[in-house]
Protein backbone atom coordinates (compact mmCIF):
# COMPACT_ATOMS: atom_id res chain seq x y z
CA MET A 1 82.78 102.81 92.57
CA LEU A 2 80.32 102.30 89.97
CA SER A 3 82.44 100.58 87.11
CA LEU A 4 81.44 100.25 83.48
CA LYS A 5 83.37 98.05 81.37
CA THR A 6 80.48 97.12 78.58
CA VAL A 7 77.72 99.27 76.93
CA LEU A 8 75.84 97.94 74.62
CA VAL A 9 74.01 100.10 72.43
CA PRO A 10 71.19 98.34 70.22
CA THR A 11 70.27 100.20 67.23
CA ASP A 12 67.25 100.00 64.35
CA PHE A 13 68.56 102.70 62.72
CA SER A 14 66.60 105.00 63.93
CA GLU A 15 67.26 108.83 64.96
CA ALA A 16 66.02 107.62 68.42
CA SER A 17 68.66 104.84 68.03
CA GLU A 18 71.44 107.94 66.66
CA ALA A 19 70.32 109.55 69.65
CA ALA A 20 70.96 106.65 72.19
CA LEU A 21 74.87 105.87 70.17
CA ARG A 22 75.55 109.30 71.38
CA TYR A 23 75.05 108.61 75.00
CA GLY A 24 76.51 105.04 74.58
CA LYS A 25 79.85 106.69 73.07
CA ALA A 26 79.81 109.49 75.95
CA MET A 27 79.64 106.80 78.53
CA ALA A 28 82.06 104.55 77.13
CA GLU A 29 84.48 107.57 76.75
CA ALA A 30 83.22 108.58 80.67
CA PHE A 31 83.72 104.51 81.92
CA GLY A 32 87.40 103.71 79.11
CA ALA A 33 84.51 101.14 78.81
CA SER A 34 84.04 98.89 75.47
CA LEU A 35 81.45 99.81 73.27
CA HIS A 36 78.88 96.85 71.63
CA LEU A 37 76.43 97.89 68.54
CA VAL A 38 74.09 95.38 67.80
CA HIS A 39 71.29 95.40 65.26
CA VAL A 40 68.17 92.61 65.37
CA MET A 41 66.58 91.36 62.24
CA GLU A 42 62.61 90.44 63.08
CA ASP A 43 62.36 87.06 61.15
CA LEU A 44 59.66 88.00 58.28
CA LEU A 45 57.61 85.19 58.13
CA ALA A 46 57.11 85.44 62.64
CA GLN A 47 54.86 88.35 61.17
CA ALA A 48 51.35 87.00 59.81
CA TRP A 49 51.08 89.59 57.12
CA ALA A 50 54.31 88.67 55.63
CA ALA A 51 54.07 85.10 55.39
CA GLU A 52 51.36 85.57 52.17
CA VAL A 53 53.35 88.53 50.91
CA TYR A 54 57.20 87.50 50.88
CA VAL A 55 56.89 83.65 50.71
CA ALA A 56 58.31 83.04 47.46
CA SER A 57 61.36 85.64 48.22
CA VAL A 58 62.45 85.47 51.86
CA PRO A 59 66.06 84.09 50.93
CA GLN A 60 66.62 86.94 48.96
CA LEU A 61 65.08 89.24 50.70
CA ARG A 62 66.34 88.44 53.84
CA GLU A 63 69.78 88.54 52.17
CA GLU A 64 69.75 92.19 51.17
CA ILE A 65 68.15 93.00 54.78
CA ASP A 66 71.24 91.63 55.76
CA LYS A 67 74.01 93.11 53.82
CA GLU A 68 72.22 96.15 54.28
CA SER A 69 71.90 95.97 57.59
CA ARG A 70 76.06 94.83 58.19
CA HIS A 71 76.57 98.02 55.84
CA ARG A 72 75.02 100.66 58.41
CA LEU A 73 76.54 98.73 61.39
CA ALA A 74 80.04 99.42 59.97
CA THR A 75 79.58 102.34 59.09
CA MET A 76 77.92 104.13 62.01
CA LEU A 77 81.26 104.73 63.75
CA THR A 78 84.27 106.02 62.71
CA ASP A 79 87.58 103.77 61.95
CA GLU A 80 89.09 105.62 64.91
CA GLU A 81 86.03 105.58 67.25
CA ARG A 82 86.24 101.34 66.50
CA ARG A 83 89.61 101.46 67.97
CA ARG A 84 89.55 103.76 70.52
CA PHE A 85 85.86 102.12 72.11
CA ARG A 86 87.08 98.39 71.10
CA VAL A 87 83.34 98.31 69.38
CA GLU A 88 81.99 94.76 68.47
CA THR A 89 79.21 94.51 66.10
CA ALA A 90 76.90 92.39 65.71
CA LEU A 91 73.50 91.06 63.52
CA LEU A 92 71.90 89.34 65.42
CA ALA A 93 67.72 87.10 64.37
CA GLY A 94 64.75 86.93 66.25
CA ASN A 95 62.59 89.25 68.66
CA PRO A 96 64.49 92.24 69.05
CA PHE A 97 63.77 92.34 72.95
CA VAL A 98 64.57 88.54 73.49
CA GLU A 99 67.88 89.13 71.41
CA ILE A 100 68.91 91.89 72.96
CA VAL A 101 68.52 90.66 76.87
CA ARG A 102 69.85 87.27 75.52
CA TYR A 103 73.17 89.49 74.09
CA ALA A 104 73.65 91.54 77.32
CA LYS A 105 73.53 88.42 79.56
CA ALA A 106 76.06 86.33 77.27
CA ARG A 107 78.52 89.67 77.04
CA ASP A 108 78.05 90.76 81.07
CA VAL A 109 76.90 93.70 79.61
CA ASP A 110 77.23 96.70 82.11
CA LEU A 111 74.86 98.94 80.86
CA ILE A 112 72.27 99.43 77.77
CA VAL A 113 71.50 102.80 76.07
CA MET A 114 68.84 102.52 73.48
CA GLY A 115 66.35 104.64 71.72
CA THR A 116 63.09 104.72 72.15
CA HIS A 117 60.58 106.34 69.87
CA GLY A 118 58.06 107.56 72.43
CA ARG A 119 55.11 106.67 70.77
CA GLY A 120 51.78 107.49 72.21
CA PRO A 121 49.24 104.98 74.35
CA ILE A 122 47.50 103.63 71.51
CA ALA A 123 50.03 102.81 69.11
CA HIS A 124 52.22 101.28 72.39
CA MET A 125 49.34 99.00 73.24
CA LEU A 126 48.92 98.25 69.69
CA LEU A 127 53.05 97.57 68.95
CA GLY A 128 54.00 97.10 72.85
CA SER A 129 57.48 98.77 73.67
CA VAL A 130 60.82 97.00 72.75
CA ALA A 131 62.73 99.28 75.47
CA GLU A 132 60.12 98.90 77.49
CA LYS A 133 60.43 95.07 77.86
CA VAL A 134 64.38 95.51 77.49
CA VAL A 135 64.02 97.66 80.76
CA ARG A 136 61.70 94.88 82.55
CA LYS A 137 64.40 91.94 81.59
CA ALA A 138 67.68 93.37 80.94
CA PRO A 139 70.22 92.10 83.40
CA CYS A 140 72.05 95.34 83.93
CA PRO A 141 69.87 99.04 83.89
CA VAL A 142 69.02 100.11 80.91
CA LEU A 143 69.33 104.38 79.51
CA THR A 144 66.13 104.90 76.94
CA VAL A 145 66.94 107.73 75.07
CA ARG A 146 64.57 109.88 73.18
CA ASP A 147 65.53 111.90 70.26
CA ALA A 148 65.26 115.22 71.05
CA ALA A 149 64.14 116.98 68.09
CA ARG A 150 61.98 114.48 67.16
CA GLU A 151 59.97 115.40 70.79
CA ALA A 152 60.86 118.99 70.19
CA SER A 153 58.75 118.82 66.70
CA ARG A 154 55.79 116.23 68.90
CA GLU A 155 55.24 119.75 71.63
CA ALA A 156 55.72 122.29 69.20
CA SER A 157 52.36 120.80 67.40
CA ARG A 158 50.85 119.85 70.63
CA ASP A 159 51.24 123.96 71.53
CA ALA A 160 50.14 125.22 68.15
CA ALA A 161 46.74 122.94 68.12
CA MET A 162 46.17 124.33 71.92
CA PRO A 163 43.57 127.29 71.83
């Protein structure tokens, strides 16, 4: 029988991540699993364009981002949900897909539930996909979740544009 003890939900605080959290909570509820909620802050100086723009204020900017991220992680679930799901949160720094996979391995995660933005092929080619890389490298199954409202809006726009 399938047994899930630990469910990881990485978040970038987007609507797709909120949708993934709903699925993650449902899976944790169904299996009596603990829920891990993780946000990965990318290194600002690793971005070529940011190195020139933010050099003078990186420590202060980093501190502000850290504070805001911790606050958002703390408010994503109610106190009752935190107790029920035995929630652990983590704020990590680095490359998102690398840190998500590293966290999953270190915590012996049974399932990763994460949002995907469903970018078009050009954006995907230029930006890559954190979700796709996690699927390829994760030590466990990965459930990717799209934001249903965004998908419905995109389909309605396509349908309206068709002759």
